[in-house]
Amino acid sequence: MTPAEPAARAPGAAEPGAAEFRAAARSTPPPTRIGPRVFEWGTRTFVMGIVNMTPDSFSGDGLLATVADARGAAVEAAVIQARRMVEEGADILDVGGESTRPGHDTVPADEEATRVLPVIAAIHAALPDVPISVDSAKPSVADAAIGAGASLINDVWGTSTDDAMARVAAALGVPMVVMHNRVEPLYEDFAAELIADLRAALDRAVAAGMPLENLIVDPGFGFGKAAEHNLAAMRELPALRRLGRPVLLGTSRKSTLGRVLGGLPVEERLEATLATTALAIAGGVDIVRVHDVRANVRAALVADAICRGEDR
């Protein structure tokens, strides 16, 4: 299978009008199984809670002070946080062991695995009915994480030309998030290139053996983009629907929001995150990846009631 294409137009025909564009934005992908749950896209917005097993997270919520902690106190802290997030309404838990903030230190695969595998195993044992995502760009780590209890791969380099992660996901039969990213934020036509890069990544993943129905796209807010590109990506969310896949968005506490607010620090960006959650839902996003679960679940409840025409 190949990603959904817009209807063919005769040479010289106009681009889709507002009505056609809105129809594309309302298209609903078929359900996706992520571990123990089947996600019915379009019924409501799902919330992914972030569990950071890092010492250097940009958001200040990394649970790991040293690698050794992954074998003890940090695992217990992660399970406590996971339980709290699920109680607050999280549908998926995303566990990561390498910071992706600008200027972050690269973590070797074995160290990243040491950070995340005990945590994933412990959360899976404590919350077996909750899907766990592994946030990693390393195929070996993702492979081991699925073995430990994760059921979704979240790859921040999903639009790279390397199909190794897609081959791992295909072999394991698990879904994968394909995130847009670039080494440098250089674009001639940002909106067109965002869609083209994601479409090419979907094609690569399908060629590597991934079923199209197991792919989720993410515009990569904060990755390979200047602040103006991040804001433009928010405006382009409805256009991502033309790819025919569910859309995940992660804006939580990111620096672009702080810049819009005149330089506010990370701990003062909740309201800005909630604004992007509501706007994302209006733009057709299916999953929001957040640090502050309770507040974002409440924002999603209201936005869903308005945008989806129903009261959850």
C-alpha atoms as a PDB file:
ATOM      1  CA  MET A   1       0.000   0.000   0.000  1.00  0.00           C
ATOM      2  CA  THR A   2       1.009   3.615  -0.463  1.00  0.00           C
ATOM      3  CA  PRO A   3      -0.039   6.732   1.471  1.00  0.00           C
ATOM      4  CA  ALA A   4      -3.331   8.291   0.471  1.00  0.00           C
ATOM      5  CA  GLU A   5      -3.010  10.822  -2.335  1.00  0.00           C
ATOM      6  CA  PRO A   6      -5.288  13.784  -3.098  1.00  0.00           C
ATOM      7  CA  ALA A   7      -7.695  13.171  -5.968  1.00  0.00           C
ATOM      8  CA  ALA A   8      -6.086  13.604  -9.383  1.00  0.00           C
ATOM      9  CA  ARG A   9      -6.705  16.918 -11.145  1.00  0.00           C
ATOM     10  CA  ALA A  10      -6.631  17.757 -14.803  1.00  0.00           C
ATOM     11  CA  PRO A  11      -3.631  19.773 -16.008  1.00  0.00           C
ATOM     12  CA  GLY A  12      -4.117  23.402 -15.162  1.00  0.00           C
ATOM     13  CA  ALA A  13      -6.890  22.704 -12.672  1.00  0.00           C
ATOM     14  CA  ALA A  14      -7.013  24.814  -9.534  1.00  0.00           C
ATOM     15  CA  GLU A  15      -5.746  23.603  -6.189  1.00  0.00           C
ATOM     16  CA  PRO A  16      -8.432  22.219  -3.850  1.00  0.00           C
ATOM     17  CA  GLY A  17     -10.837  24.821  -2.572  1.00  0.00           C
ATOM     18  CA  ALA A  18     -11.852  25.409   1.041  1.00  0.00           C
ATOM     19  CA  ALA A  19     -14.639  22.806   0.978  1.00  0.00           C
ATOM     20  CA  GLU A  20     -12.373  20.102  -0.462  1.00  0.00           C
ATOM     21  CA  PHE A  21      -9.628  20.983   2.001  1.00  0.00           C
ATOM     22  CA  ARG A  22     -12.015  20.727   4.960  1.00  0.00           C
ATOM     23  CA  ALA A  23     -13.239  17.362   3.686  1.00  0.00           C
ATOM     24  CA  ALA A  24      -9.643  16.088   3.542  1.00  0.00           C
ATOM     25  CA  ALA A  25      -9.022  17.355   7.074  1.00  0.00           C
ATOM     26  CA  ARG A  26     -12.060  15.424   8.320  1.00  0.00           C
ATOM     27  CA  SER A  27     -10.986  12.106   6.814  1.00  0.00           C
ATOM     28  CA  THR A  28     -10.598   9.423   9.455  1.00  0.00           C
ATOM     29  CA  PRO A  29      -7.940   6.704   9.248  1.00  0.00           C
ATOM     30  CA  PRO A  30      -8.956   3.154  10.186  1.00  0.00           C
ATOM     31  CA  PRO A  31      -8.295   1.952  13.751  1.00  0.00           C
ATOM     32  CA  THR A  32      -4.790   1.020  14.904  1.00  0.00           C
ATOM     33  CA  ARG A  33      -3.912  -1.584  17.514  1.00  0.00           C
ATOM     34  CA  ILE A  34      -1.197  -0.420  19.906  1.00  0.00           C
ATOM     35  CA  GLY A  35      -0.419  -3.272  22.271  1.00  0.00           C
ATOM     36  CA  PRO A  36      -3.461  -4.065  24.424  1.00  0.00           C
ATOM     37  CA  ARG A  37      -5.691  -1.344  22.941  1.00  0.00           C
ATOM     38  CA  VAL A  38      -7.333  -0.543  19.633  1.00  0.00           C
ATOM     39  CA  PHE A  39      -7.397   3.195  18.940  1.00  0.00           C
ATOM     40  CA  GLU A  40     -10.488   4.365  17.073  1.00  0.00           C
ATOM     41  CA  TRP A  41      -9.275   7.555  15.424  1.00  0.00           C
ATOM     42  CA  GLY A  42     -11.771  10.357  15.208  1.00  0.00           C
ATOM     43  CA  THR A  43     -13.767   9.320  18.272  1.00  0.00           C
ATOM     44  CA  ARG A  44     -11.750  11.541  20.610  1.00  0.00           C
ATOM     45  CA  THR A  45      -8.267  12.926  21.197  1.00  0.00           C
ATOM     46  CA  PHE A  46      -5.829  10.580  22.924  1.00  0.00           C
ATOM     47  CA  VAL A  47      -3.218  11.794  25.392  1.00  0.00           C
ATOM     48  CA  MET A  48       0.343  10.467  25.574  1.00  0.00           C
ATOM     49  CA  GLY A  49       2.139  11.090  28.865  1.00  0.00           C
ATOM     50  CA  ILE A  50       5.898  11.684  28.824  1.00  0.00           C
ATOM     51  CA  VAL A  51       8.166   9.647  31.111  1.00  0.00           C
ATOM     52  CA  ASN A  52      11.718  11.005  30.767  1.00  0.00           C
ATOM     53  CA  MET A  53      14.520   8.729  31.941  1.00  0.00           C
ATOM     54  CA  THR A  54      17.204  11.339  31.358  1.00  0.00           C
ATOM     55  CA  PRO A  55      19.402  13.594  33.511  1.00  0.00           C
ATOM     56  CA  ASP A  56      19.210  16.492  31.033  1.00  0.00           C
ATOM     57  CA  SER A  57      15.633  16.852  29.808  1.00  0.00           C
ATOM     58  CA  PHE A  58      14.879  20.380  28.531  1.00  0.00           C
ATOM     59  CA  SER A  59      11.653  20.368  30.526  1.00  0.00           C
ATOM     60  CA  GLY A  60      13.323  19.652  33.859  1.00  0.00           C
ATOM     61  CA  ASP A  61      11.329  16.469  34.442  1.00  0.00           C
ATOM     62  CA  GLY A  62      14.052  13.885  33.787  1.00  0.00           C
ATOM     63  CA  LEU A  63      13.857  11.185  36.443  1.00  0.00           C
ATOM     64  CA  LEU A  64      17.414   9.998  35.993  1.00  0.00           C
ATOM     65  CA  ALA A  65      20.258  11.602  37.904  1.00  0.00           C
ATOM     66  CA  THR A  66      22.759   8.840  37.131  1.00  0.00           C
ATOM     67  CA  VAL A  67      22.677   5.711  34.969  1.00  0.00           C
ATOM     68  CA  ALA A  68      22.862   3.554  38.087  1.00  0.00           C
ATOM     69  CA  ASP A  69      19.543   4.966  39.272  1.00  0.00           C
ATOM     70  CA  ALA A  70      17.800   3.133  36.450  1.00  0.00           C
ATOM     71  CA  ARG A  71      18.209  -0.020  38.526  1.00  0.00           C
ATOM     72  CA  GLY A  72      16.597   1.377  41.651  1.00  0.00           C
ATOM     73  CA  ALA A  73      14.921   4.564  42.797  1.00  0.00           C
ATOM     74  CA  ALA A  74      14.326   5.996  39.331  1.00  0.00           C
ATOM     75  CA  VAL A  75      12.414   2.883  38.248  1.00  0.00           C
ATOM     76  CA  GLU A  76      10.123   3.215  41.249  1.00  0.00           C
ATOM     77  CA  ALA A  77       9.686   6.934  40.579  1.00  0.00           C
ATOM     78  CA  ALA A  78       8.822   6.201  36.948  1.00  0.00           C
ATOM     79  CA  VAL A  79       6.148   3.685  37.927  1.00  0.00           C
ATOM     80  CA  ILE A  80       4.654   6.177  40.400  1.00  0.00           C
ATOM     81  CA  GLN A  81       4.599   8.848  37.687  1.00  0.00           C
ATOM     82  CA  ALA A  82       3.097   6.416  35.177  1.00  0.00           C
ATOM     83  CA  ARG A  83       0.321   5.440  37.587  1.00  0.00           C
ATOM     84  CA  ARG A  84      -0.458   9.085  38.271  1.00  0.00           C
ATOM     85  CA  MET A  85      -0.580   9.920  34.564  1.00  0.00           C
ATOM     86  CA  VAL A  86      -2.959   7.044  33.866  1.00  0.00           C
ATOM     87  CA  GLU A  87      -5.177   8.114  36.760  1.00  0.00           C
ATOM     88  CA  GLU A  88      -5.214  11.613  35.222  1.00  0.00           C
ATOM     89  CA  GLY A  89      -6.333  10.226  31.869  1.00  0.00           C
ATOM     90  CA  ALA A  90      -3.222   9.284  29.859  1.00  0.00           C
ATOM     91  CA  ASP A  91      -3.964   6.737  27.138  1.00  0.00           C
ATOM     92  CA  ILE A  92      -0.331   5.973  26.209  1.00  0.00           C
ATOM     93  CA  LEU A  93       2.958   6.364  28.112  1.00  0.00           C
ATOM     94  CA  ASP A  94       6.058   7.430  26.161  1.00  0.00           C
ATOM     95  CA  VAL A  95       9.364   6.391  27.758  1.00  0.00           C
ATOM     96  CA  GLY A  96      12.603   7.957  26.538  1.00  0.00           C
ATOM     97  CA  GLY A  97      16.223   7.691  27.636  1.00  0.00           C
ATOM     98  CA  GLU A  98      17.982  10.331  25.542  1.00  0.00           C
ATOM     99  CA  SER A  99      17.307  14.044  25.602  1.00  0.00           C
ATOM    100  CA  THR A 100      16.554  15.564  22.195  1.00  0.00           C
ATOM    101  CA  ARG A 101      16.879  19.189  23.274  1.00  0.00           C
ATOM    102  CA  PRO A 102      19.197  21.435  21.220  1.00  0.00           C
ATOM    103  CA  GLY A 103      22.813  20.735  22.112  1.00  0.00           C
ATOM    104  CA  HIS A 104      22.025  17.483  23.904  1.00  0.00           C
ATOM    105  CA  ASP A 105      24.703  14.883  24.514  1.00  0.00           C
ATOM    106  CA  THR A 106      24.434  11.753  22.383  1.00  0.00           C
ATOM    107  CA  VAL A 107      23.825   8.655  24.489  1.00  0.00           C
ATOM    108  CA  PRO A 108      25.348   5.301  23.426  1.00  0.00           C
ATOM    109  CA  ALA A 109      22.802   2.592  22.662  1.00  0.00           C
ATOM    110  CA  ASP A 110      23.791   0.416  25.613  1.00  0.00           C
ATOM    111  CA  GLU A 111      23.434   3.315  28.048  1.00  0.00           C
ATOM    112  CA  GLU A 112      20.074   4.329  26.596  1.00  0.00           C
ATOM    113  CA  ALA A 113      18.891   0.739  26.898  1.00  0.00           C
ATOM    114  CA  THR A 114      20.034   0.635  30.527  1.00  0.00           C
ATOM    115  CA  ARG A 115      17.958   3.710  31.219  1.00  0.00           C
ATOM    116  CA  VAL A 116      14.706   2.654  29.569  1.00  0.00           C
ATOM    117  CA  LEU A 117      14.417  -1.140  29.570  1.00  0.00           C
ATOM    118  CA  PRO A 118      13.962  -1.627  33.345  1.00  0.00           C
ATOM    119  CA  VAL A 119      11.442   1.203  33.401  1.00  0.00           C
ATOM    120  CA  ILE A 120       9.412  -0.138  30.482  1.00  0.00           C
ATOM    121  CA  ALA A 121       9.387  -3.613  32.045  1.00  0.00           C
ATOM    122  CA  ALA A 122       8.303  -2.225  35.427  1.00  0.00           C
ATOM    123  CA  ILE A 123       5.539  -0.016  33.981  1.00  0.00           C
ATOM    124  CA  HIS A 124       4.296  -2.871  31.795  1.00  0.00           C
ATOM    125  CA  ALA A 125       4.133  -5.149  34.833  1.00  0.00           C
ATOM    126  CA  ALA A 126       2.311  -2.517  36.901  1.00  0.00           C
ATOM    127  CA  LEU A 127      -0.024  -1.320  34.125  1.00  0.00           C
ATOM    128  CA  PRO A 128      -0.420  -4.183  31.636  1.00  0.00           C
ATOM    129  CA  ASP A 129      -3.471  -2.652  29.966  1.00  0.00           C
ATOM    130  CA  VAL A 130      -1.703   0.622  29.109  1.00  0.00           C
ATOM    131  CA  PRO A 131       0.213   0.890  25.805  1.00  0.00           C
ATOM    132  CA  ILE A 132       3.835   1.969  26.198  1.00  0.00           C
ATOM    133  CA  SER A 133       5.800   3.813  23.533  1.00  0.00           C
ATOM    134  CA  VAL A 134       9.591   3.861  23.370  1.00  0.00           C
ATOM    135  CA  ASP A 135      10.985   7.241  22.334  1.00  0.00           C
ATOM    136  CA  SER A 136      14.200   6.281  20.557  1.00  0.00           C
ATOM    137  CA  ALA A 137      16.012   6.762  17.259  1.00  0.00           C
ATOM    138  CA  LYS A 138      18.158   3.657  17.761  1.00  0.00           C
ATOM    139  CA  PRO A 139      16.798   0.437  16.199  1.00  0.00           C
ATOM    140  CA  SER A 140      18.596  -1.797  18.708  1.00  0.00           C
ATOM    141  CA  VAL A 141      17.069   0.072  21.652  1.00  0.00           C
ATOM    142  CA  ALA A 142      13.611   0.011  20.092  1.00  0.00           C
ATOM    143  CA  ASP A 143      13.894  -3.721  19.420  1.00  0.00           C
ATOM    144  CA  ALA A 144      14.848  -4.452  23.040  1.00  0.00           C
ATOM    145  CA  ALA A 145      12.150  -2.095  24.340  1.00  0.00           C
ATOM    146  CA  ILE A 146       9.427  -3.988  22.492  1.00  0.00           C
ATOM    147  CA  GLY A 147      10.735  -7.141  24.116  1.00  0.00           C
ATOM    148  CA  ALA A 148      10.513  -5.440  27.521  1.00  0.00           C
ATOM    149  CA  GLY A 149       6.857  -4.500  27.080  1.00  0.00           C
ATOM    150  CA  ALA A 150       6.602  -1.478  24.782  1.00  0.00           C
ATOM    151  CA  SER A 151       4.189  -1.694  21.859  1.00  0.00           C
ATOM    152  CA  LEU A 152       4.887   1.480  19.851  1.00  0.00           C
ATOM    153  CA  ILE A 153       8.091   3.005  18.448  1.00  0.00           C
ATOM    154  CA  ASN A 154       8.365   6.807  18.456  1.00  0.00           C
ATOM    155  CA  ASP A 155      11.267   7.816  16.202  1.00  0.00           C
ATOM    156  CA  VAL A 156      12.271  11.502  16.157  1.00  0.00           C
ATOM    157  CA  TRP A 157      14.287  10.842  12.976  1.00  0.00           C
ATOM    158  CA  GLY A 158      11.401   9.210  11.144  1.00  0.00           C
ATOM    159  CA  THR A 159      12.013  11.232   7.997  1.00  0.00           C
ATOM    160  CA  SER A 160      15.676  10.259   7.665  1.00  0.00           C
ATOM    161  CA  THR A 161      16.599   8.208   4.601  1.00  0.00           C
ATOM    162  CA  ASP A 162      17.577   5.225   6.781  1.00  0.00           C
ATOM    163  CA  ASP A 163      14.819   2.603   6.886  1.00  0.00           C
ATOM    164  CA  ALA A 164      16.387   0.505   9.684  1.00  0.00           C
ATOM    165  CA  MET A 165      13.783   1.538  12.285  1.00  0.00           C
ATOM    166  CA  ALA A 166      10.923   0.769   9.908  1.00  0.00           C
ATOM    167  CA  ARG A 167      12.388  -2.681   9.284  1.00  0.00           C
ATOM    168  CA  VAL A 168      12.542  -3.322  13.042  1.00  0.00           C
ATOM    169  CA  ALA A 169       8.929  -2.203  13.503  1.00  0.00           C
ATOM    170  CA  ALA A 170       7.812  -4.315  10.545  1.00  0.00           C
ATOM    171  CA  ALA A 171       9.616  -7.407  11.845  1.00  0.00           C
ATOM    172  CA  LEU A 172       8.111  -6.974  15.312  1.00  0.00           C
ATOM    173  CA  GLY A 173       4.636  -6.142  13.994  1.00  0.00           C
ATOM    174  CA  VAL A 174       4.292  -2.926  16.003  1.00  0.00           C
ATOM    175  CA  PRO A 175       3.162   0.572  14.962  1.00  0.00           C
ATOM    176  CA  MET A 176       5.637   3.416  14.538  1.00  0.00           C
ATOM    177  CA  VAL A 177       5.463   7.200  14.808  1.00  0.00           C
ATOM    178  CA  VAL A 178       7.225   8.874  11.890  1.00  0.00           C
ATOM    179  CA  MET A 179       8.330  12.338  12.986  1.00  0.00           C
ATOM    180  CA  HIS A 180       9.430  15.126  10.675  1.00  0.00           C
ATOM    181  CA  ASN A 181      12.964  16.333  11.344  1.00  0.00           C
ATOM    182  CA  ARG A 182      15.955  17.912   9.582  1.00  0.00           C
ATOM    183  CA  VAL A 183      19.557  18.517  10.554  1.00  0.00           C
ATOM    184  CA  GLU A 184      19.223  22.208   9.653  1.00  0.00           C
ATOM    185  CA  PRO A 185      16.042  24.320   9.522  1.00  0.00           C
ATOM    186  CA  LEU A 186      16.495  25.265   5.873  1.00  0.00           C
ATOM    187  CA  TYR A 187      13.386  25.393   3.674  1.00  0.00           C
ATOM    188  CA  GLU A 188      12.325  27.064   0.440  1.00  0.00           C
ATOM    189  CA  ASP A 189       8.635  26.228   0.860  1.00  0.00           C
ATOM    190  CA  PHE A 190       8.106  24.971   4.403  1.00  0.00           C
ATOM    191  CA  ALA A 191       4.496  23.797   4.101  1.00  0.00           C
ATOM    192  CA  ALA A 192       5.085  21.860   0.883  1.00  0.00           C
ATOM    193  CA  GLU A 193       8.358  20.345   2.131  1.00  0.00           C
ATOM    194  CA  LEU A 194       6.814  19.276   5.443  1.00  0.00           C
ATOM    195  CA  ILE A 195       4.182  17.231   3.627  1.00  0.00           C
ATOM    196  CA  ALA A 196       6.613  15.950   0.990  1.00  0.00           C
ATOM    197  CA  ASP A 197       9.140  14.781   3.597  1.00  0.00           C
ATOM    198  CA  LEU A 198       6.477  12.922   5.566  1.00  0.00           C
ATOM    199  CA  ARG A 199       4.998  11.380   2.420  1.00  0.00           C
ATOM    200  CA  ALA A 200       8.443  10.143   1.376  1.00  0.00           C
ATOM    201  CA  ALA A 201       9.018   8.707   4.853  1.00  0.00           C
ATOM    202  CA  LEU A 202       5.716   6.832   4.713  1.00  0.00           C
ATOM    203  CA  ASP A 203       6.648   5.440   1.308  1.00  0.00           C
ATOM    204  CA  ARG A 204      10.032   4.287   2.666  1.00  0.00           C
ATOM    205  CA  ALA A 205       8.436   2.622   5.667  1.00  0.00           C
ATOM    206  CA  VAL A 206       5.899   0.790   3.512  1.00  0.00           C
ATOM    207  CA  ALA A 207       8.687  -0.332   1.167  1.00  0.00           C
ATOM    208  CA  ALA A 208      10.536  -1.660   4.237  1.00  0.00           C
ATOM    209  CA  GLY A 209       7.557  -3.842   5.123  1.00  0.00           C
ATOM    210  CA  MET A 210       5.452  -1.635   7.394  1.00  0.00           C
ATOM    211  CA  PRO A 211       1.679  -1.877   6.905  1.00  0.00           C
ATOM    212  CA  LEU A 212       0.393   1.607   6.212  1.00  0.00           C
ATOM    213  CA  GLU A 213      -2.202   1.191   8.961  1.00  0.00           C
ATOM    214  CA  ASN A 214       0.642   0.877  11.503  1.00  0.00           C
ATOM    215  CA  LEU A 215       2.114   4.306  10.742  1.00  0.00           C
ATOM    216  CA  ILE A 216       1.415   7.544  12.612  1.00  0.00           C
ATOM    217  CA  VAL A 217       2.798  10.918  11.516  1.00  0.00           C
ATOM    218  CA  ASP A 218       4.161  13.772  13.622  1.00  0.00           C
ATOM    219  CA  PRO A 219       5.043  17.199  12.154  1.00  0.00           C
ATOM    220  CA  GLY A 220       7.992  17.453  14.567  1.00  0.00           C
ATOM    221  CA  PHE A 221       7.275  20.686  16.436  1.00  0.00           C
ATOM    222  CA  GLY A 222      10.677  21.801  17.745  1.00  0.00           C
ATOM    223  CA  PHE A 223      12.727  19.461  15.543  1.00  0.00           C
ATOM    224  CA  GLY A 224      14.720  20.788  12.590  1.00  0.00           C
ATOM    225  CA  LYS A 225      12.704  23.990  12.595  1.00  0.00           C
ATOM    226  CA  ALA A 226      13.106  27.615  13.600  1.00  0.00           C
ATOM    227  CA  ALA A 227      10.391  29.159  15.772  1.00  0.00           C
ATOM    228  CA  GLU A 228       8.532  30.511  12.749  1.00  0.00           C
ATOM    229  CA  HIS A 229       8.493  27.023  11.212  1.00  0.00           C
ATOM    230  CA  ASN A 230       7.043  25.547  14.395  1.00  0.00           C
ATOM    231  CA  LEU A 231       4.195  28.043  14.340  1.00  0.00           C
ATOM    232  CA  ALA A 232       3.671  27.404  10.629  1.00  0.00           C
ATOM    233  CA  ALA A 233       3.503  23.672  11.334  1.00  0.00           C
ATOM    234  CA  MET A 234       0.576  24.340  13.668  1.00  0.00           C
ATOM    235  CA  ARG A 235      -1.208  26.140  10.854  1.00  0.00           C
ATOM    236  CA  GLU A 236      -0.545  23.227   8.489  1.00  0.00           C
ATOM    237  CA  LEU A 237      -2.016  20.524  10.733  1.00  0.00           C
ATOM    238  CA  PRO A 238      -5.190  20.075   8.632  1.00  0.00           C
ATOM    239  CA  ALA A 239      -3.023  19.446   5.564  1.00  0.00           C
ATOM    240  CA  LEU A 240      -1.440  16.427   7.260  1.00  0.00           C
ATOM    241  CA  ARG A 241      -4.815  14.701   6.995  1.00  0.00           C
ATOM    242  CA  ARG A 242      -4.170  14.350   3.278  1.00  0.00           C
ATOM    243  CA  LEU A 243      -1.522  11.756   4.159  1.00  0.00           C
ATOM    244  CA  GLY A 244      -4.290   9.475   5.386  1.00  0.00           C
ATOM    245  CA  ARG A 245      -2.654   8.663   8.716  1.00  0.00           C
ATOM    246  CA  PRO A 246      -3.325   9.528  12.373  1.00  0.00           C
ATOM    247  CA  VAL A 247      -1.434  12.611  13.559  1.00  0.00           C
ATOM    248  CA  LEU A 248       0.532  12.986  16.796  1.00  0.00           C
ATOM    249  CA  LEU A 249       1.728  16.364  18.054  1.00  0.00           C
ATOM    250  CA  GLY A 250       4.217  17.214  20.810  1.00  0.00           C
ATOM    251  CA  THR A 251       4.415  20.896  21.725  1.00  0.00           C
ATOM    252  CA  SER A 252       4.520  20.517  25.505  1.00  0.00           C
ATOM    253  CA  ARG A 253       6.653  23.170  27.266  1.00  0.00           C
ATOM    254  CA  LYS A 254       8.816  23.747  24.177  1.00  0.00           C
ATOM    255  CA  SER A 255      11.017  26.780  23.652  1.00  0.00           C
ATOM    256  CA  THR A 256       8.943  28.289  20.838  1.00  0.00           C
ATOM    257  CA  LEU A 257       6.093  28.688  23.311  1.00  0.00           C
ATOM    258  CA  GLY A 258       8.408  30.423  25.753  1.00  0.00           C
ATOM    259  CA  ARG A 259       9.582  32.748  23.000  1.00  0.00           C
ATOM    260  CA  VAL A 260       6.018  33.681  22.052  1.00  0.00           C
ATOM    261  CA  LEU A 261       5.426  34.517  25.720  1.00  0.00           C
ATOM    262  CA  GLY A 262       8.390  36.872  25.888  1.00  0.00           C
ATOM    263  CA  GLY A 263      10.967  34.398  27.158  1.00  0.00           C
ATOM    264  CA  LEU A 264       9.045  32.649  29.913  1.00  0.00           C
ATOM    265  CA  PRO A 265      10.915  29.652  31.405  1.00  0.00           C
ATOM    266  CA  VAL A 266       9.849  26.053  30.906  1.00  0.00           C
ATOM    267  CA  GLU A 267       7.906  25.847  34.162  1.00  0.00           C
ATOM    268  CA  GLU A 268       5.632  28.711  33.029  1.00  0.00           C
ATOM    269  CA  ARG A 269       4.509  27.314  29.679  1.00  0.00           C
ATOM    270  CA  LEU A 270       1.466  25.272  30.676  1.00  0.00           C
ATOM    271  CA  GLU A 271      -1.128  27.734  29.384  1.00  0.00           C
ATOM    272  CA  ALA A 272       0.708  27.977  26.069  1.00  0.00           C
ATOM    273  CA  THR A 273       0.776  24.196  25.805  1.00  0.00           C
ATOM    274  CA  LEU A 274      -2.959  24.050  26.472  1.00  0.00           C
ATOM    275  CA  ALA A 275      -3.563  26.597  23.713  1.00  0.00           C
ATOM    276  CA  THR A 276      -1.684  24.408  21.246  1.00  0.00           C
ATOM    277  CA  THR A 277      -3.584  21.316  22.411  1.00  0.00           C
ATOM    278  CA  ALA A 278      -6.916  22.984  21.707  1.00  0.00           C
ATOM    279  CA  LEU A 279      -5.755  24.338  18.348  1.00  0.00           C
ATOM    280  CA  ALA A 280      -4.284  20.959  17.429  1.00  0.00           C
ATOM    281  CA  ILE A 281      -7.611  19.262  18.039  1.00  0.00           C
ATOM    282  CA  ALA A 282      -9.327  21.855  15.862  1.00  0.00           C
ATOM    283  CA  GLY A 283      -6.714  21.004  13.213  1.00  0.00           C
ATOM    284  CA  GLY A 284      -7.492  17.290  13.316  1.00  0.00           C
ATOM    285  CA  VAL A 285      -4.718  15.913  15.557  1.00  0.00           C
ATOM    286  CA  ASP A 286      -5.395  12.491  17.092  1.00  0.00           C
ATOM    287  CA  ILE A 287      -2.759  12.279  19.870  1.00  0.00           C
ATOM    288  CA  VAL A 288      -1.120  14.991  21.958  1.00  0.00           C
ATOM    289  CA  ARG A 289       2.161  14.173  23.724  1.00  0.00           C
ATOM    290  CA  VAL A 290       2.398  16.111  26.993  1.00  0.00           C
ATOM    291  CA  HIS A 291       4.079  16.462  30.382  1.00  0.00           C
ATOM    292  CA  ASP A 292       1.038  17.822  32.241  1.00  0.00           C
ATOM    293  CA  VAL A 293      -1.563  15.134  31.680  1.00  0.00           C
ATOM    294  CA  ARG A 294      -4.498  16.270  33.824  1.00  0.00           C
ATOM    295  CA  ALA A 295      -4.645  19.794  32.414  1.00  0.00           C
ATOM    296  CA  ASN A 296      -4.284  18.628  28.816  1.00  0.00           C
ATOM    297  CA  VAL A 297      -6.928  15.920  29.237  1.00  0.00           C
ATOM    298  CA  ARG A 298      -9.341  18.582  30.451  1.00  0.00           C
ATOM    299  CA  ALA A 299      -8.471  20.877  27.555  1.00  0.00           C
ATOM    300  CA  ALA A 300      -8.980  17.972  25.145  1.00  0.00           C
ATOM    301  CA  LEU A 301     -12.373  17.138  26.662  1.00  0.00           C
ATOM    302  CA  VAL A 302     -13.633  20.642  25.932  1.00  0.00           C
ATOM    303  CA  ALA A 303     -12.002  20.890  22.497  1.00  0.00           C
ATOM    304  CA  ASP A 304     -13.394  17.488  21.519  1.00  0.00           C
ATOM    305  CA  ALA A 305     -16.885  18.475  22.614  1.00  0.00           C
ATOM    306  CA  ILE A 306     -16.671  21.509  20.352  1.00  0.00           C
ATOM    307  CA  CYS A 307     -14.738  20.158  17.375  1.00  0.00           C
ATOM    308  CA  ARG A 308     -16.078  16.594  17.234  1.00  0.00           C
ATOM    309  CA  GLY A 309     -19.645  17.595  17.992  1.00  0.00           C
ATOM    310  CA  GLU A 310     -20.010  15.321  20.986  1.00  0.00           C
ATOM    311  CA  ASP A 311     -19.578  15.429  24.743  1.00  0.00           C
ATOM    312  CA  ARG A 312     -17.134  12.782  25.938  1.00  0.00           C
END
